[in-house]
Protein backbone atom coordinates (compact mmCIF):
# COMPACT_ATOMS: atom_id res chain seq x y z
CA UNK A 1 93.84 70.70 109.78
CA UNK A 2 96.75 67.86 108.98
CA UNK A 3 98.59 70.85 106.77
CA UNK A 4 102.18 71.11 107.48
CA UNK A 5 103.07 74.57 108.10
CA UNK A 6 106.62 74.31 109.43
CA UNK A 7 107.22 72.24 105.73
CA UNK A 8 105.14 74.67 103.12
CA UNK A 9 105.16 77.98 104.88
CA UNK A 10 107.45 80.79 103.72
CA UNK A 11 105.92 83.94 104.49
CA UNK A 12 103.78 84.86 107.71
CA UNK A 13 101.55 88.20 107.96
CA UNK A 14 100.55 89.14 111.23
CA UNK A 15 97.34 91.18 111.59
CA UNK A 16 97.95 93.73 114.81
CA UNK A 17 95.15 94.64 116.91
CA UNK A 18 93.97 91.63 119.17
CA UNK A 19 96.43 89.80 117.68
CA UNK A 20 99.85 90.82 118.47
CA UNK A 21 98.00 91.99 121.41
CA UNK A 22 94.97 90.27 123.17
CA UNK A 23 91.87 91.17 123.28
CA UNK A 24 90.88 93.84 126.37
CA UNK A 25 87.74 95.15 127.13
CA UNK A 26 89.19 98.42 128.24
CA UNK A 27 90.89 98.97 124.79
CA UNK A 28 87.71 97.89 123.03
CA UNK A 29 85.68 100.41 125.20
CA UNK A 30 88.43 103.12 124.77
CA UNK A 31 87.78 102.84 120.79
CA UNK A 32 84.15 102.74 120.60
CA UNK A 33 83.37 105.26 122.55
CA UNK A 34 83.72 107.62 119.96
CA UNK A 35 82.15 105.26 117.54
CA UNK A 36 78.73 105.44 120.20
CA UNK A 37 79.06 109.13 119.92
CA UNK A 38 78.61 109.25 115.81
CA UNK A 39 75.96 106.62 115.94
CA UNK A 40 73.74 108.84 118.39
CA UNK A 41 74.59 111.86 116.29
CA UNK A 42 73.65 110.17 112.82
CA UNK A 43 70.50 108.10 114.36
CA UNK A 44 69.34 110.57 117.26
CA UNK A 45 69.54 107.88 119.98
CA UNK A 46 71.37 108.11 123.56
CA UNK A 47 74.76 106.46 123.80
CA UNK A 48 73.48 103.43 125.60
CA UNK A 49 70.77 103.00 122.66
CA UNK A 50 73.82 103.42 120.22
CA UNK A 51 76.30 101.02 122.05
CA UNK A 52 73.86 98.21 122.17
CA UNK A 53 73.06 98.42 118.08
CA UNK A 54 76.74 98.46 117.28
CA UNK A 55 77.65 95.73 119.77
CA UNK A 56 74.61 93.39 118.47
CA UNK A 57 76.40 93.82 114.91
CA UNK A 58 80.20 93.66 116.14
CA UNK A 59 79.78 90.99 118.53
CA UNK A 60 83.09 91.99 120.40
CA UNK A 61 85.20 91.16 117.14
CA UNK A 62 83.10 87.95 116.23
CA UNK A 63 80.89 89.43 113.85
CA UNK A 64 81.20 92.24 111.39
CA UNK A 65 83.96 94.70 111.38
CA UNK A 66 83.95 97.88 112.85
CA UNK A 67 83.35 99.85 109.57
CA UNK A 68 80.94 97.25 108.19
CA UNK A 69 78.73 97.54 111.38
CA UNK A 70 78.47 101.26 110.81
CA UNK A 71 77.30 101.36 107.05
CA UNK A 72 74.57 98.86 108.39
CA UNK A 73 73.82 101.23 110.86
CA UNK A 74 74.10 104.27 108.15
CA UNK A 75 76.72 106.05 109.42
CA UNK A 76 78.48 107.83 106.56
CA UNK A 77 82.17 107.62 106.08
CA UNK A 78 82.20 104.76 108.15
CA UNK A 79 85.96 103.75 107.44
CA UNK A 80 86.77 107.21 108.26
CA UNK A 81 84.94 107.17 111.65
CA UNK A 82 86.69 104.08 112.62
CA UNK A 83 90.10 105.68 111.88
CA UNK A 84 89.27 108.99 113.59
CA UNK A 85 88.39 106.31 116.63
CA UNK A 86 91.68 104.63 116.29
CA UNK A 87 93.47 108.13 116.40
CA UNK A 88 91.52 109.32 119.42
CA UNK A 89 91.66 106.54 121.63
CA UNK A 90 94.76 106.67 124.00
CA UNK A 91 95.34 102.84 124.48
CA UNK A 92 98.99 103.46 124.79
CA UNK A 93 98.53 102.80 128.71
CA UNK A 94 96.98 99.36 127.86
CA UNK A 95 100.16 98.22 125.77
CA UNK A 96 103.15 96.94 127.16
CA UNK A 97 105.89 94.22 125.74
CA UNK A 98 105.22 90.46 126.79
CA UNK A 99 107.89 88.74 126.62
CA UNK A 100 106.19 85.25 125.24
CA UNK A 101 105.17 86.85 122.23
CA UNK A 102 108.27 88.87 121.73
CA UNK A 103 110.00 85.43 121.82
CA UNK A 104 107.84 83.84 119.36
CA UNK A 105 108.03 86.11 117.15
CA UNK A 106 111.97 86.63 116.62
CA UNK A 107 111.84 82.56 116.70
CA UNK A 108 109.62 82.71 113.60
CA UNK A 109 111.73 85.70 111.98
CA UNK A 110 114.74 83.68 112.46
CA UNK A 111 112.89 80.16 111.04
CA UNK A 112 110.96 81.80 107.90
CA UNK A 113 112.75 85.02 107.63
CA UNK A 114 109.67 86.51 105.89
CA UNK A 115 107.38 88.37 108.42
CA UNK A 116 105.10 91.05 107.67
CA UNK A 117 102.21 92.88 109.12
CA UNK A 118 98.70 93.47 107.48
CA UNK A 119 96.55 95.93 109.52
CA UNK A 120 93.67 98.10 109.46
CA UNK A 121 95.31 100.19 111.37
CA UNK A 122 97.25 103.51 109.56
CA UNK A 123 100.96 103.83 109.78
CA UNK A 124 101.52 105.99 112.61
CA UNK A 125 99.10 104.54 115.35
CA UNK A 126 100.85 101.12 113.74
CA UNK A 127 104.46 102.32 114.51
CA UNK A 128 103.68 103.60 117.82
CA UNK A 129 101.77 100.08 119.05
CA UNK A 130 104.57 97.93 117.83
CA UNK A 131 106.73 100.40 119.75
CA UNK A 132 104.60 100.40 123.22
CA UNK A 133 104.57 96.35 122.57
CA UNK A 134 108.38 96.27 122.47
CA UNK A 135 108.74 94.92 118.76
CA UNK A 136 111.60 95.91 116.42
CA UNK A 137 110.60 97.15 113.04
CA UNK A 138 113.27 95.73 111.39
CA UNK A 139 111.61 92.08 112.66
CA UNK A 140 108.75 92.88 109.61
CA UNK A 141 110.11 93.13 105.92
CA UNK A 142 106.48 95.06 105.17
CA UNK A 143 103.77 96.68 107.06
CA UNK A 144 100.65 97.07 105.12
CA UNK A 145 98.01 99.39 106.68
CA UNK A 146 94.58 101.26 106.03
CA UNK A 147 96.76 104.02 104.37
CA UNK A 148 97.52 101.64 101.30
CA UNK A 149 94.82 98.75 100.96
CA UNK A 150 92.32 97.39 102.74
CA UNK A 151 91.69 94.11 104.45
CA UNK A 152 87.77 93.73 104.52
CA UNK A 153 87.59 93.34 100.18
CA UNK A 154 90.94 91.22 99.93
CA UNK A 155 93.05 94.06 98.22
CA UNK A 156 95.45 93.80 100.91
CA UNK A 157 96.40 90.11 100.64
CA UNK A 158 96.69 90.49 96.85
CA UNK A 159 98.99 93.39 97.10
CA UNK A 160 101.14 91.35 99.67
CA UNK A 161 101.25 88.17 97.32
CA UNK A 162 102.61 90.67 94.72
CA UNK A 163 105.88 91.20 97.21
CA UNK A 164 106.71 88.04 97.09
CA UNK A 165 105.99 86.59 93.06
CA UNK A 166 107.51 83.36 93.31
CA UNK A 167 105.72 81.81 96.15
CA UNK A 168 102.38 80.09 95.90
CA UNK A 169 99.59 81.47 97.54
CA UNK A 170 99.45 78.07 99.83
CA UNK A 171 103.08 79.43 100.76
CA UNK A 172 101.79 82.54 102.92
CA UNK A 173 99.92 82.23 106.12
CA UNK A 174 97.95 84.49 107.99
CA UNK A 175 97.46 85.19 111.64
CA UNK A 176 95.20 87.20 112.86
CA UNK A 177 91.79 87.16 115.30
CA UNK A 178 88.53 88.08 112.95
CA UNK A 179 86.86 85.18 110.84
CA UNK A 180 85.67 87.32 108.13
CA UNK A 181 88.40 89.71 107.17
CA UNK A 182 91.24 87.44 108.86
CA UNK A 183 90.38 84.06 107.81
CA UNK A 184 87.40 84.07 105.23
CA UNK A 185 89.08 86.91 102.60
CA UNK A 186 92.26 84.95 102.44
CA UNK A 187 90.99 81.70 101.84
CA UNK A 188 89.51 82.77 98.55
CA UNK A 189 92.75 83.50 97.16
CA UNK A 190 94.19 80.04 98.37
CA UNK A 191 96.16 81.81 101.88
CA UNK A 192 96.49 79.53 105.20
CA UNK A 193 95.26 81.14 108.13
CA UNK A 194 95.32 80.74 112.01
CA UNK A 195 93.09 82.74 114.37
CA UNK A 196 94.30 83.59 117.48
CA UNK A 197 92.79 85.07 120.89
CA UNK A 198 89.45 83.15 119.97
CA UNK A 199 87.21 82.57 123.51
CA UNK A 200 85.32 79.64 121.57
CA UNK A 201 85.84 77.62 118.29
CA UNK A 202 83.39 78.29 115.59
CA UNK A 203 82.32 75.05 113.65
CA UNK A 204 82.34 76.48 110.29
CA UNK A 205 86.02 77.58 110.28
CA UNK A 206 88.24 75.42 108.81
CA UNK A 207 91.48 76.40 110.04
CA UNK A 208 93.30 76.13 113.85
CA UNK A 209 91.49 78.55 116.14
CA UNK A 210 93.81 79.21 119.16
CA UNK A 211 92.94 80.86 122.50
CA UNK A 212 96.37 82.47 122.50
CA UNK A 213 98.77 83.85 120.56
CA UNK A 214 101.58 81.35 121.79
CA UNK A 215 99.79 78.64 120.76
CA UNK A 216 100.98 78.95 117.28
CA UNK A 217 104.36 77.68 118.62
CA UNK A 218 103.15 74.17 118.13
CA UNK A 219 102.42 74.71 114.55
CA UNK A 220 105.19 76.97 113.42
CA UNK A 221 108.37 76.41 115.30
């Protein structure tokens, strides 16, 4: 916790969903309605039963990822199902620019120069979401999406580091919201992380856990 981010970090990566915009029950439910139907079809359960099974594993973003939860439940082509859920969900109506978030990201760009996006969404959806949130895509050097590589197995972070061959792993910082894919996976490679939009702190996690994205300012600016 005594790591000097301002002195050591040279490049910052951001997750997108529930990081650059906060957790929202409305957004989650809109996306997950498609997933519940797929579980119901596979397991011959009611929508409510399917919802409970998924929620018990996913734990509102604090447990397994959406695709891992589906794999446990025996739903084939889990990643494709999640991708379809993201594509079919009309969440644009829930997204709008947040001036505090935009201001902090711009300050980080000015201070560090190197900002990237690493997300589980595909490129089309990522660009649409960033647009609705008011971000200029030129703020980000690279945008890594599900079209390229996966975060859940760490491959996305390996590709990310290759973009900056002169930097050491501990000069990278990833900001996300999920313990497994956004903290544990990058940690295996020596990458620093900060978790945001956390309802409560996990005592087993040894990185900053912030209730709001704007709180990163005290660590980085």
